[in-house]
Protein backbone atom coordinates (compact mmCIF):
# COMPACT_ATOMS: atom_id res chain seq x y z
CA MET A 1 -18.27 74.20 -10.30
CA MET A 2 -19.18 75.10 -13.83
CA VAL A 3 -18.57 77.91 -16.26
CA ILE A 4 -21.71 79.97 -16.77
CA MET A 5 -22.07 81.36 -20.25
CA ALA A 6 -24.81 83.82 -21.17
CA GLY A 7 -28.21 82.21 -20.90
CA GLU A 8 -27.13 78.96 -19.22
CA PRO A 9 -28.78 78.08 -15.91
CA LEU A 10 -26.59 77.37 -12.92
CA GLN A 11 -26.96 73.84 -11.59
CA SER A 12 -24.14 73.64 -9.07
CA ALA A 13 -24.38 73.52 -5.29
CA SER A 14 -20.63 73.95 -4.81
CA GLY A 15 -20.96 77.50 -3.52
CA VAL A 16 -18.94 78.84 -6.46
CA ILE A 17 -20.00 80.96 -9.42
CA LEU A 18 -17.78 80.89 -12.50
CA ILE A 19 -18.48 83.18 -15.44
CA GLU A 20 -16.32 83.76 -18.47
CA ARG A 21 -17.12 86.68 -20.71
CA VAL A 22 -15.37 88.30 -23.67
CA PHE A 23 -15.71 92.08 -24.06
CA ALA A 24 -14.96 94.01 -27.25
CA ALA A 25 -12.79 96.46 -25.33
CA PRO A 26 -9.12 96.79 -24.31
CA ARG A 27 -8.07 95.02 -21.14
CA ALA A 28 -7.03 98.26 -19.39
CA LEU A 29 -10.50 99.74 -19.95
CA VAL A 30 -12.31 96.65 -18.66
CA PHE A 31 -10.08 96.60 -15.58
CA ALA A 32 -10.61 100.33 -14.98
CA SER A 33 -14.37 99.80 -15.11
CA TRP A 34 -14.00 97.50 -12.09
CA THR A 35 -11.74 99.84 -10.10
CA HIS A 36 -13.01 103.38 -10.76
CA ALA A 37 -16.02 104.33 -8.65
CA ASP A 38 -17.76 106.39 -11.35
CA ASP A 39 -17.60 103.49 -13.81
CA ALA A 40 -18.53 100.80 -11.29
CA ALA A 41 -21.58 102.80 -10.24
CA GLU A 42 -22.85 102.53 -13.82
CA TRP A 43 -22.85 98.73 -14.05
CA PHE A 44 -22.27 97.03 -10.67
CA ALA A 45 -25.91 97.07 -9.52
CA PRO A 46 -28.29 94.56 -11.14
CA ASP A 47 -30.97 95.67 -13.60
CA GLY A 48 -33.78 97.42 -11.76
CA PHE A 49 -31.42 98.89 -9.14
CA THR A 50 -29.81 102.32 -9.13
CA ALA A 51 -26.43 103.00 -7.56
CA ILE A 52 -26.69 105.97 -5.21
CA HIS A 53 -23.17 105.93 -3.74
CA CYS A 54 -19.93 104.22 -4.74
CA GLU A 55 -16.46 104.25 -3.18
CA MET A 56 -13.42 102.35 -4.47
CA ASP A 57 -9.93 102.23 -3.01
CA ALA A 58 -8.52 99.67 -5.44
CA THR A 59 -5.32 98.98 -3.54
CA PRO A 60 -4.49 95.90 -1.46
CA GLY A 61 -6.28 96.42 1.86
CA GLY A 62 -8.41 99.21 0.37
CA GLU A 63 -12.14 99.19 0.98
CA TRP A 64 -14.97 99.44 -1.51
CA ARG A 65 -18.71 100.00 -1.09
CA ILE A 66 -21.71 100.44 -3.35
CA ASP A 67 -25.13 101.48 -2.06
CA PHE A 68 -28.05 101.01 -4.40
CA ARG A 69 -31.81 101.29 -4.32
CA SER A 70 -34.37 98.91 -5.80
CA LEU A 71 -37.40 100.04 -7.78
CA ASP A 72 -39.53 99.66 -4.63
CA GLY A 73 -37.16 101.94 -2.70
CA GLN A 74 -35.30 99.36 -0.62
CA LEU A 75 -31.67 100.15 0.17
CA HIS A 76 -29.03 97.49 -0.52
CA THR A 77 -25.28 97.61 0.03
CA GLU A 78 -22.37 95.56 -1.20
CA TYR A 79 -18.97 96.10 0.36
CA GLY A 80 -15.61 94.52 0.94
CA VAL A 81 -11.84 94.80 0.89
CA PHE A 82 -9.42 94.46 -2.01
CA LEU A 83 -7.02 91.60 -1.27
CA GLU A 84 -4.99 91.64 -4.50
CA VAL A 85 -4.79 94.22 -7.28
CA ILE A 86 -2.58 93.66 -10.33
CA ALA A 87 -3.34 96.36 -12.89
CA ALA A 88 -5.18 95.08 -15.97
CA GLU A 89 -4.56 91.45 -14.91
CA ARG A 90 -6.21 90.40 -11.65
CA LEU A 91 -8.49 91.54 -8.84
CA VAL A 92 -9.29 89.63 -5.66
CA PHE A 93 -11.70 91.13 -3.14
CA THR A 94 -14.21 90.21 -0.49
CA LEU A 95 -17.90 90.92 -1.06
CA THR A 96 -20.71 90.99 1.46
CA GLN A 97 -24.28 91.86 0.56
CA LYS A 98 -26.54 93.69 2.99
CA SER A 99 -30.28 94.31 2.61
CA GLY A 100 -31.92 96.14 5.48
CA ASP A 101 -30.64 94.54 8.68
CA LYS A 102 -29.74 91.22 7.00
CA SER A 103 -26.21 90.49 5.79
CA GLY A 104 -25.19 87.63 3.56
CA PRO A 105 -22.01 85.61 3.92
CA GLN A 106 -18.65 87.15 3.07
CA THR A 107 -17.71 85.84 -0.35
CA THR A 108 -14.44 86.09 -2.24
CA VAL A 109 -14.35 87.33 -5.82
CA THR A 110 -11.45 86.75 -8.20
CA VAL A 111 -11.47 88.39 -11.63
CA THR A 112 -8.76 87.88 -14.22
CA PHE A 113 -8.32 89.76 -17.49
CA SER A 114 -6.48 88.60 -20.60
CA ASP A 115 -6.23 89.70 -24.23
CA ILE A 116 -8.18 87.76 -26.84
CA ASP A 117 -8.77 88.65 -30.50
CA GLY A 118 -8.58 92.42 -29.95
CA GLY A 119 -10.81 92.28 -26.89
CA THR A 120 -10.66 91.12 -23.29
CA ARG A 121 -11.47 87.76 -21.76
CA MET A 122 -12.73 88.21 -18.24
CA ARG A 123 -12.86 85.22 -15.93
CA PHE A 124 -14.98 85.76 -12.84
CA ARG A 125 -15.09 83.49 -9.77
CA GLN A 126 -17.10 84.07 -6.61
CA SER A 127 -16.92 81.58 -3.76
CA GLY A 128 -18.62 81.36 -0.40
CA HIS A 129 -22.33 81.26 -1.26
CA ILE A 130 -24.56 79.14 0.92
CA GLY A 131 -27.32 77.25 -0.86
CA VAL A 132 -28.40 76.81 -4.45
CA GLU A 133 -31.03 79.57 -4.28
CA ALA A 134 -28.48 82.24 -3.31
CA LEU A 135 -26.03 80.87 -5.86
CA ASN A 136 -28.58 81.07 -8.69
CA ALA A 137 -29.82 84.53 -7.70
CA ASN A 138 -26.28 85.90 -7.55
CA SER A 139 -25.33 84.23 -10.83
CA ASP A 140 -28.32 85.85 -12.54
CA GLY A 141 -27.43 89.18 -10.96
CA TRP A 142 -23.84 89.03 -12.18
CA ARG A 143 -24.87 88.10 -15.71
CA GLY A 144 -27.14 91.17 -15.75
CA CYS A 145 -24.35 93.35 -14.38
CA PHE A 146 -21.95 92.10 -17.06
CA GLU A 147 -24.50 92.99 -19.76
CA GLN A 148 -24.53 96.52 -18.32
CA LEU A 149 -20.72 96.51 -18.25
CA ALA A 150 -20.66 95.59 -21.94
CA GLN A 151 -22.93 98.55 -22.71
CA LEU A 152 -20.79 100.91 -20.60
CA LEU A 153 -17.64 99.77 -22.39
CA LYS A 154 -19.26 100.59 -25.76
CA ILE A 155 -20.10 104.08 -24.51
CA LEU A 156 -16.64 104.67 -23.05
CA GLN A 157 -14.97 103.62 -26.30
CA SER A 158 -17.13 105.90 -28.42
CA ALA A 159 -16.49 108.95 -26.21
């Protein structure tokens, strides 16, 4: 396992992605952007994909789902179940990716949020990937999503 900072390549075959990111936004706002469907739809799909439907029941046992379309029109879905929800502190949920009739493995995502220098430190962990190629592709996708999250947080704070 290794911590992936912006721009660093992933070189781990452990099946785990670790990303730490600091956002210039309050912890409650960062957390809400993970748990409110309207906000998640703005950043959860990688660059080049458009969210077309998003549902979030951010309670333990609650289901979530995001459908998005690629530039070439292909439909992709990510879905899962919230396992643990501690407001503004911690989220644990399952995540499965589906493209067409192919589904990836069920992974587990843990995200923690803490205050740091007027902003929020987010620690992200996703386990359960099979193979370095999938690990690297998903790591790149998450880094792009977190860039979009940073932009959304700027917009939400200026509103």
